[in-house]
Amino acid sequence: MRAHRFKANAIVEVDMRPINVSLSPNTWELAKQKRNFSQWIRLQLHAERRVKRERLQLEEDLTQARSAIQKYIALVDELNKELDAK
């Protein structure tokens, strides 16, 4: 497996940069099973970034939902006090 071997039919991104990755004998065997290990690594990195963005969005949505629930609870408490006063 030669990472720098040229493939005529490969789609190459313009700003690609090489990086070396140290693998154990076990991970080397796993990497050899990938048809395009470099592409697989790139996809995994993009997926990790996407998951982080989605998690941040979910956390923001949860914070907004909690705030809305707290406002609703305060409104219900206020209405209950008004009803009790009557």
PDB file of N, CA and C in Angstrom:
ATOM      1  N   MET A   1       0.853  -1.171   0.000  1.00  0.00           N
ATOM      2  CA  MET A   1       0.000   0.000   0.000  1.00  0.00           C
ATOM      3  C   MET A   1       0.897   1.233   0.000  1.00  0.00           C
ATOM      4  N   ARG A   2       0.874   1.964  -1.076  1.00  0.00           N
ATOM      5  CA  ARG A   2       1.674   3.172  -1.190  1.00  0.00           C
ATOM      6  C   ARG A   2       0.730   4.359  -1.234  1.00  0.00           C
ATOM      7  N   ALA A   3       0.784   5.205  -0.235  1.00  0.00           N
ATOM      8  CA  ALA A   3      -0.150   6.308  -0.128  1.00  0.00           C
ATOM      9  C   ALA A   3       0.032   7.347  -1.218  1.00  0.00           C
ATOM     10  N   HIS A   4       1.235   7.459  -1.787  1.00  0.00           N
ATOM     11  CA  HIS A   4       1.486   8.503  -2.763  1.00  0.00           C
ATOM     12  C   HIS A   4       1.401   8.022  -4.211  1.00  0.00           C
ATOM     13  N   ARG A   5       0.959   6.805  -4.419  1.00  0.00           N
ATOM     14  CA  ARG A   5       0.836   6.288  -5.777  1.00  0.00           C
ATOM     15  C   ARG A   5      -0.223   7.081  -6.541  1.00  0.00           C
ATOM     16  N   PHE A   6       0.095   7.466  -7.766  1.00  0.00           N
ATOM     17  CA  PHE A   6      -0.804   8.284  -8.576  1.00  0.00           C
ATOM     18  C   PHE A   6      -1.883   7.411  -9.205  1.00  0.00           C
ATOM     19  N   LYS A   7      -3.110   7.908  -9.186  1.00  0.00           N
ATOM     20  CA  LYS A   7      -4.216   7.227  -9.858  1.00  0.00           C
ATOM     21  C   LYS A   7      -4.786   8.188 -10.880  1.00  0.00           C
ATOM     22  N   ALA A   8      -4.823   7.786 -12.125  1.00  0.00           N
ATOM     23  CA  ALA A   8      -5.268   8.658 -13.206  1.00  0.00           C
ATOM     24  C   ALA A   8      -6.736   9.033 -13.080  1.00  0.00           C
ATOM     25  N   ASN A   9      -7.560   8.157 -12.544  1.00  0.00           N
ATOM     26  CA  ASN A   9      -8.995   8.424 -12.468  1.00  0.00           C
ATOM     27  C   ASN A   9      -9.426   9.010 -11.122  1.00  0.00           C
ATOM     28  N   ALA A  10      -8.489   9.331 -10.262  1.00  0.00           N
ATOM     29  CA  ALA A  10      -8.832   9.852  -8.937  1.00  0.00           C
ATOM     30  C   ALA A  10      -9.217  11.324  -9.026  1.00  0.00           C
ATOM     31  N   ILE A  11     -10.201  11.705  -8.225  1.00  0.00           N
ATOM     32  CA  ILE A  11     -10.585  13.099  -8.098  1.00  0.00           C
ATOM     33  C   ILE A  11      -9.756  13.674  -6.951  1.00  0.00           C
ATOM     34  N   VAL A  12      -8.965  14.686  -7.246  1.00  0.00           N
ATOM     35  CA  VAL A  12      -8.063  15.253  -6.253  1.00  0.00           C
ATOM     36  C   VAL A  12      -8.528  16.654  -5.888  1.00  0.00           C
ATOM     37  N   GLU A  13      -8.667  16.889  -4.599  1.00  0.00           N
ATOM     38  CA  GLU A  13      -9.014  18.230  -4.142  1.00  0.00           C
ATOM     39  C   GLU A  13      -7.801  19.133  -4.331  1.00  0.00           C
ATOM     40  N   VAL A  14      -8.064  20.403  -4.579  1.00  0.00           N
ATOM     41  CA  VAL A  14      -7.008  21.340  -4.919  1.00  0.00           C
ATOM     42  C   VAL A  14      -6.012  21.549  -3.789  1.00  0.00           C
ATOM     43  N   ASP A  15      -6.484  21.713  -2.579  1.00  0.00           N
ATOM     44  CA  ASP A  15      -5.606  22.060  -1.459  1.00  0.00           C
ATOM     45  C   ASP A  15      -5.226  20.860  -0.595  1.00  0.00           C
ATOM     46  N   MET A  16      -5.066  19.703  -1.190  1.00  0.00           N
ATOM     47  CA  MET A  16      -4.719  18.503  -0.427  1.00  0.00           C
ATOM     48  C   MET A  16      -3.287  18.632   0.097  1.00  0.00           C
ATOM     49  N   ARG A  17      -3.081  18.186   1.329  1.00  0.00           N
ATOM     50  CA  ARG A  17      -1.757  18.187   1.927  1.00  0.00           C
ATOM     51  C   ARG A  17      -1.492  16.808   2.513  1.00  0.00           C
ATOM     52  N   PRO A  18      -0.291  16.314   2.361  1.00  0.00           N
ATOM     53  CA  PRO A  18       0.016  14.986   2.903  1.00  0.00           C
ATOM     54  C   PRO A  18       0.222  15.033   4.419  1.00  0.00           C
ATOM     55  N   ILE A  19      -0.087  13.923   5.053  1.00  0.00           N
ATOM     56  CA  ILE A  19       0.158  13.778   6.490  1.00  0.00           C
ATOM     57  C   ILE A  19       0.479  12.307   6.741  1.00  0.00           C
ATOM     58  N   ASN A  20       1.410  12.077   7.626  1.00  0.00           N
ATOM     59  CA  ASN A  20       1.775  10.701   7.971  1.00  0.00           C
ATOM     60  C   ASN A  20       0.993  10.272   9.201  1.00  0.00           C
ATOM     61  N   VAL A  21       0.559   9.038   9.194  1.00  0.00           N
ATOM     62  CA  VAL A  21      -0.180   8.465  10.312  1.00  0.00           C
ATOM     63  C   VAL A  21       0.535   7.195  10.736  1.00  0.00           C
ATOM     64  N   SER A  22       0.829   7.086  12.012  1.00  0.00           N
ATOM     65  CA  SER A  22       1.465   5.880  12.530  1.00  0.00           C
ATOM     66  C   SER A  22       0.386   4.880  12.905  1.00  0.00           C
ATOM     67  N   LEU A  23       0.545   3.659  12.432  1.00  0.00           N
ATOM     68  CA  LEU A  23      -0.439   2.614  12.686  1.00  0.00           C
ATOM     69  C   LEU A  23       0.228   1.422  13.359  1.00  0.00           C
ATOM     70  N   SER A  24      -0.509   0.800  14.235  1.00  0.00           N
ATOM     71  CA  SER A  24      -0.046  -0.443  14.838  1.00  0.00           C
ATOM     72  C   SER A  24      -0.221  -1.552  13.801  1.00  0.00           C
ATOM     73  N   PRO A  25       0.341  -2.716  14.036  1.00  0.00           N
ATOM     74  CA  PRO A  25       0.124  -3.820  13.093  1.00  0.00           C
ATOM     75  C   PRO A  25      -1.368  -4.123  12.883  1.00  0.00           C
ATOM     76  N   ASN A  26      -2.167  -4.032  13.949  1.00  0.00           N
ATOM     77  CA  ASN A  26      -3.603  -4.302  13.813  1.00  0.00           C
ATOM     78  C   ASN A  26      -4.299  -3.231  12.987  1.00  0.00           C
ATOM     79  N   THR A  27      -4.011  -1.963  13.270  1.00  0.00           N
ATOM     80  CA  THR A  27      -4.663  -0.897  12.512  1.00  0.00           C
ATOM     81  C   THR A  27      -4.143  -0.839  11.076  1.00  0.00           C
ATOM     82  N   TRP A  28      -2.896  -1.271  10.860  1.00  0.00           N
ATOM     83  CA  TRP A  28      -2.357  -1.358   9.495  1.00  0.00           C
ATOM     84  C   TRP A  28      -3.186  -2.347   8.672  1.00  0.00           C
ATOM     85  N   GLU A  29      -3.501  -3.485   9.267  1.00  0.00           N
ATOM     86  CA  GLU A  29      -4.300  -4.487   8.567  1.00  0.00           C
ATOM     87  C   GLU A  29      -5.700  -3.939   8.254  1.00  0.00           C
ATOM     88  N   LEU A  30      -6.272  -3.207   9.194  1.00  0.00           N
ATOM     89  CA  LEU A  30      -7.589  -2.608   8.953  1.00  0.00           C
ATOM     90  C   LEU A  30      -7.511  -1.564   7.837  1.00  0.00           C
ATOM     91  N   ALA A  31      -6.460  -0.767   7.859  1.00  0.00           N
ATOM     92  CA  ALA A  31      -6.300   0.272   6.836  1.00  0.00           C
ATOM     93  C   ALA A  31      -6.139  -0.347   5.452  1.00  0.00           C
ATOM     94  N   LYS A  32      -5.442  -1.454   5.366  1.00  0.00           N
ATOM     95  CA  LYS A  32      -5.239  -2.114   4.065  1.00  0.00           C
ATOM     96  C   LYS A  32      -6.551  -2.612   3.475  1.00  0.00           C
ATOM     97  N   GLN A  33      -7.547  -2.849   4.325  1.00  0.00           N
ATOM     98  CA  GLN A  33      -8.835  -3.338   3.842  1.00  0.00           C
ATOM     99  C   GLN A  33      -9.679  -2.231   3.210  1.00  0.00           C
ATOM    100  N   LYS A  34      -9.316  -0.986   3.465  1.00  0.00           N
ATOM    101  CA  LYS A  34     -10.042   0.136   2.871  1.00  0.00           C
ATOM    102  C   LYS A  34      -9.572   0.329   1.432  1.00  0.00           C
ATOM    103  N   ARG A  35     -10.515   0.529   0.542  1.00  0.00           N
ATOM    104  CA  ARG A  35     -10.156   0.746  -0.859  1.00  0.00           C
ATOM    105  C   ARG A  35      -9.360   2.045  -1.027  1.00  0.00           C
ATOM    106  N   ASN A  36      -9.784   3.079  -0.295  1.00  0.00           N
ATOM    107  CA  ASN A  36      -9.107   4.373  -0.344  1.00  0.00           C
ATOM    108  C   ASN A  36      -9.032   4.897   1.082  1.00  0.00           C
ATOM    109  N   PHE A  37      -7.964   4.527   1.759  1.00  0.00           N
ATOM    110  CA  PHE A  37      -7.816   4.864   3.173  1.00  0.00           C
ATOM    111  C   PHE A  37      -7.813   6.375   3.394  1.00  0.00           C
ATOM    112  N   SER A  38      -7.133   7.118   2.558  1.00  0.00           N
ATOM    113  CA  SER A  38      -7.073   8.577   2.707  1.00  0.00           C
ATOM    114  C   SER A  38      -8.460   9.196   2.603  1.00  0.00           C
ATOM    115  N   GLN A  39      -9.229   8.745   1.633  1.00  0.00           N
ATOM    116  CA  GLN A  39     -10.590   9.265   1.489  1.00  0.00           C
ATOM    117  C   GLN A  39     -11.424   8.897   2.708  1.00  0.00           C
ATOM    118  N   TRP A  40     -11.272   7.691   3.193  1.00  0.00           N
ATOM    119  CA  TRP A  40     -12.018   7.245   4.369  1.00  0.00           C
ATOM    120  C   TRP A  40     -11.688   8.127   5.576  1.00  0.00           C
ATOM    121  N   ILE A  41     -10.421   8.430   5.753  1.00  0.00           N
ATOM    122  CA  ILE A  41     -10.001   9.306   6.850  1.00  0.00           C
ATOM    123  C   ILE A  41     -10.642  10.681   6.696  1.00  0.00           C
ATOM    124  N   ARG A  42     -10.607  11.243   5.483  1.00  0.00           N
ATOM    125  CA  ARG A  42     -11.211  12.554   5.250  1.00  0.00           C
ATOM    126  C   ARG A  42     -12.697  12.533   5.589  1.00  0.00           C
ATOM    127  N   LEU A  43     -13.385  11.489   5.163  1.00  0.00           N
ATOM    128  CA  LEU A  43     -14.827  11.375   5.448  1.00  0.00           C
ATOM    129  C   LEU A  43     -15.088  11.276   6.947  1.00  0.00           C
ATOM    130  N   GLN A  44     -14.239  10.537   7.651  1.00  0.00           N
ATOM    131  CA  GLN A  44     -14.404  10.407   9.102  1.00  0.00           C
ATOM    132  C   GLN A  44     -14.203  11.753   9.793  1.00  0.00           C
ATOM    133  N   LEU A  45     -13.226  12.519   9.339  1.00  0.00           N
ATOM    134  CA  LEU A  45     -12.970  13.833   9.934  1.00  0.00           C
ATOM    135  C   LEU A  45     -14.127  14.790   9.667  1.00  0.00           C
ATOM    136  N   HIS A  46     -14.651  14.772   8.451  1.00  0.00           N
ATOM    137  CA  HIS A  46     -15.807  15.617   8.130  1.00  0.00           C
ATOM    138  C   HIS A  46     -17.026  15.202   8.950  1.00  0.00           C
ATOM    139  N   ALA A  47     -17.223  13.900   9.117  1.00  0.00           N
ATOM    140  CA  ALA A  47     -18.361  13.404   9.897  1.00  0.00           C
ATOM    141  C   ALA A  47     -18.231  13.826  11.356  1.00  0.00           C
ATOM    142  N   GLU A  48     -17.028  13.770  11.888  1.00  0.00           N
ATOM    143  CA  GLU A  48     -16.806  14.182  13.274  1.00  0.00           C
ATOM    144  C   GLU A  48     -17.148  15.665  13.447  1.00  0.00           C
ATOM    145  N   ARG A  49     -16.732  16.492  12.498  1.00  0.00           N
ATOM    146  CA  ARG A  49     -17.029  17.923  12.565  1.00  0.00           C
ATOM    147  C   ARG A  49     -18.539  18.161  12.462  1.00  0.00           C
ATOM    148  N   ARG A  50     -19.211  17.420  11.557  1.00  0.00           N
ATOM    149  CA  ARG A  50     -20.656  17.560  11.403  1.00  0.00           C
ATOM    150  C   ARG A  50     -21.377  17.166  12.692  1.00  0.00           C
ATOM    151  N   VAL A  51     -20.952  16.092  13.309  1.00  0.00           N
ATOM    152  CA  VAL A  51     -21.577  15.635  14.557  1.00  0.00           C
ATOM    153  C   VAL A  51     -21.398  16.680  15.652  1.00  0.00           C
ATOM    154  N   LYS A  52     -20.213  17.287  15.721  1.00  0.00           N
ATOM    155  CA  LYS A  52     -19.988  18.328  16.725  1.00  0.00           C
ATOM    156  C   LYS A  52     -20.909  19.521  16.485  1.00  0.00           C
ATOM    157  N   ARG A  53     -21.046  19.930  15.217  1.00  0.00           N
ATOM    158  CA  ARG A  53     -21.949  21.048  14.906  1.00  0.00           C
ATOM    159  C   ARG A  53     -23.381  20.706  15.277  1.00  0.00           C
ATOM    160  N   GLU A  54     -23.815  19.492  14.949  1.00  0.00           N
ATOM    161  CA  GLU A  54     -25.175  19.075  15.267  1.00  0.00           C
ATOM    162  C   GLU A  54     -25.391  19.024  16.780  1.00  0.00           C
ATOM    163  N   ARG A  55     -24.381  18.571  17.507  1.00  0.00           N
ATOM    164  CA  ARG A  55     -24.497  18.516  18.964  1.00  0.00           C
ATOM    165  C   ARG A  55     -24.623  19.921  19.545  1.00  0.00           C
ATOM    166  N   LEU A  56     -23.810  20.854  19.053  1.00  0.00           N
ATOM    167  CA  LEU A  56     -23.910  22.233  19.522  1.00  0.00           C
ATOM    168  C   LEU A  56     -25.286  22.817  19.236  1.00  0.00           C
ATOM    169  N   GLN A  57     -25.832  22.514  18.054  1.00  0.00           N
ATOM    170  CA  GLN A  57     -27.167  23.002  17.704  1.00  0.00           C
ATOM    171  C   GLN A  57     -28.216  22.400  18.621  1.00  0.00           C
ATOM    172  N   LEU A  58     -28.097  21.116  18.913  1.00  0.00           N
ATOM    173  CA  LEU A  58     -29.050  20.471  19.823  1.00  0.00           C
ATOM    174  C   LEU A  58     -28.966  21.060  21.228  1.00  0.00           C
ATOM    175  N   GLU A  59     -27.747  21.338  21.684  1.00  0.00           N
ATOM    176  CA  GLU A  59     -27.586  21.944  23.004  1.00  0.00           C
ATOM    177  C   GLU A  59     -28.224  23.333  23.039  1.00  0.00           C
ATOM    178  N   GLU A  60     -28.047  24.097  21.959  1.00  0.00           N
ATOM    179  CA  GLU A  60     -28.666  25.421  21.877  1.00  0.00           C
ATOM    180  C   GLU A  60     -30.188  25.306  21.868  1.00  0.00           C
ATOM    181  N   ASP A  61     -30.712  24.366  21.088  1.00  0.00           N
ATOM    182  CA  ASP A  61     -32.158  24.143  21.040  1.00  0.00           C
ATOM    183  C   ASP A  61     -32.692  23.738  22.409  1.00  0.00           C
ATOM    184  N   LEU A  62     -31.956  22.892  23.109  1.00  0.00           N
ATOM    185  CA  LEU A  62     -32.373  22.444  24.441  1.00  0.00           C
ATOM    186  C   LEU A  62     -32.395  23.613  25.416  1.00  0.00           C
ATOM    187  N   THR A  63     -31.392  24.459  25.341  1.00  0.00           N
ATOM    188  CA  THR A  63     -31.351  25.639  26.210  1.00  0.00           C
ATOM    189  C   THR A  63     -32.558  26.534  25.953  1.00  0.00           C
ATOM    190  N   GLN A  64     -32.891  26.740  24.680  1.00  0.00           N
ATOM    191  CA  GLN A  64     -34.057  27.566  24.347  1.00  0.00           C
ATOM    192  C   GLN A  64     -35.353  26.915  24.822  1.00  0.00           C
ATOM    193  N   ALA A  65     -35.437  25.602  24.684  1.00  0.00           N
ATOM    194  CA  ALA A  65     -36.640  24.892  25.132  1.00  0.00           C
ATOM    195  C   ALA A  65     -36.786  24.993  26.649  1.00  0.00           C
ATOM    196  N   ARG A  66     -35.686  24.847  27.374  1.00  0.00           N
ATOM    197  CA  ARG A  66     -35.740  24.967  28.836  1.00  0.00           C
ATOM    198  C   ARG A  66     -36.200  26.362  29.247  1.00  0.00           C
ATOM    199  N   SER A  67     -35.679  27.367  28.545  1.00  0.00           N
ATOM    200  CA  SER A  67     -36.072  28.746  28.842  1.00  0.00           C
ATOM    201  C   SER A  67     -37.566  28.943  28.596  1.00  0.00           C
ATOM    202  N   ALA A  68     -38.077  28.413  27.499  1.00  0.00           N
ATOM    203  CA  ALA A  68     -39.505  28.534  27.193  1.00  0.00           C
ATOM    204  C   ALA A  68     -40.343  27.819  28.243  1.00  0.00           C
ATOM    205  N   ILE A  69     -39.898  26.657  28.695  1.00  0.00           N
ATOM    206  CA  ILE A  69     -40.630  25.906  29.720  1.00  0.00           C
ATOM    207  C   ILE A  69     -40.649  26.686  31.029  1.00  0.00           C
ATOM    208  N   GLN A  70     -39.515  27.289  31.391  1.00  0.00           N
ATOM    209  CA  GLN A  70     -39.462  28.068  32.629  1.00  0.00           C
ATOM    210  C   GLN A  70     -40.417  29.258  32.560  1.00  0.00           C
ATOM    211  N   LYS A  71     -40.489  29.909  31.404  1.00  0.00           N
ATOM    212  CA  LYS A  71     -41.424  31.033  31.239  1.00  0.00           C
ATOM    213  C   LYS A  71     -42.858  30.544  31.346  1.00  0.00           C
ATOM    214  N   TYR A  72     -43.143  29.389  30.755  1.00  0.00           N
ATOM    215  CA  TYR A  72     -44.490  28.822  30.808  1.00  0.00           C
ATOM    216  C   TYR A  72     -44.861  28.479  32.250  1.00  0.00           C
ATOM    217  N   ILE A  73     -43.940  27.884  32.977  1.00  0.00           N
ATOM    218  CA  ILE A  73     -44.201  27.528  34.371  1.00  0.00           C
ATOM    219  C   ILE A  73     -44.467  28.786  35.196  1.00  0.00           C
ATOM    220  N   ALA A  74     -43.671  29.834  34.960  1.00  0.00           N
ATOM    221  CA  ALA A  74     -43.878  31.093  35.689  1.00  0.00           C
ATOM    222  C   ALA A  74     -45.247  31.673  35.367  1.00  0.00           C
ATOM    223  N   LEU A  75     -45.673  31.595  34.118  1.00  0.00           N
ATOM    224  CA  LEU A  75     -46.991  32.101  33.723  1.00  0.00           C
ATOM    225  C   LEU A  75     -48.105  31.300  34.392  1.00  0.00           C
ATOM    226  N   VAL A  76     -47.965  29.977  34.399  1.00  0.00           N
ATOM    227  CA  VAL A  76     -48.967  29.125  35.041  1.00  0.00           C
ATOM    228  C   VAL A  76     -49.034  29.426  36.536  1.00  0.00           C
ATOM    229  N   ASP A  77     -47.879  29.588  37.174  1.00  0.00           N
ATOM    230  CA  ASP A  77     -47.861  29.930  38.604  1.00  0.00           C
ATOM    231  C   ASP A  77     -48.573  31.255  38.856  1.00  0.00           C
ATOM    232  N   GLU A  78     -48.305  32.228  37.987  1.00  0.00           N
ATOM    233  CA  GLU A  78     -48.952  33.539  38.120  1.00  0.00           C
ATOM    234  C   GLU A  78     -50.469  33.424  37.965  1.00  0.00           C
ATOM    235  N   LEU A  79     -50.913  32.661  36.973  1.00  0.00           N
ATOM    236  CA  LEU A  79     -52.349  32.476  36.768  1.00  0.00           C
ATOM    237  C   LEU A  79     -52.980  31.740  37.942  1.00  0.00           C
ATOM    238  N   ASN A  80     -52.302  30.755  38.479  1.00  0.00           N
ATOM    239  CA  ASN A  80     -52.827  30.026  39.644  1.00  0.00           C
ATOM    240  C   ASN A  80     -52.969  30.950  40.846  1.00  0.00           C
ATOM    241  N   LYS A  81     -52.009  31.850  41.043  1.00  0.00           N
ATOM    242  CA  LYS A  81     -52.102  32.809  42.151  1.00  0.00           C
ATOM    243  C   LYS A  81     -53.309  33.736  41.965  1.00  0.00           C
ATOM    244  N   GLU A  82     -53.531  34.168  40.722  1.00  0.00           N
ATOM    245  CA  GLU A  82     -54.678  35.029  40.443  1.00  0.00           C
ATOM    246  C   GLU A  82     -55.983  34.284  40.723  1.00  0.00           C
ATOM    247  N   LEU A  83     -56.035  33.014  40.323  1.00  0.00           N
ATOM    248  CA  LEU A  83     -57.247  32.222  40.570  1.00  0.00           C
ATOM    249  C   LEU A  83     -57.473  31.994  42.062  1.00  0.00           C
ATOM    250  N   ASP A  84     -56.388  31.747  42.777  1.00  0.00           N
ATOM    251  CA  ASP A  84     -56.497  31.529  44.236  1.00  0.00           C
ATOM    252  C   ASP A  84     -56.957  32.804  44.938  1.00  0.00           C
ATOM    253  N   ALA A  85     -56.582  33.954  44.393  1.00  0.00           N
ATOM    254  CA  ALA A  85     -56.942  35.233  45.026  1.00  0.00           C
ATOM    255  C   ALA A  85     -58.420  35.539  44.846  1.00  0.00           C
ATOM    256  N   LYS A  86     -59.068  34.948  43.844  1.00  0.00           N
ATOM    257  CA  LYS A  86     -60.491  35.233  43.578  1.00  0.00           C
ATOM    258  C   LYS A  86     -61.395  34.435  44.437  1.00  0.00           C
TER     259      LYS A  86
END
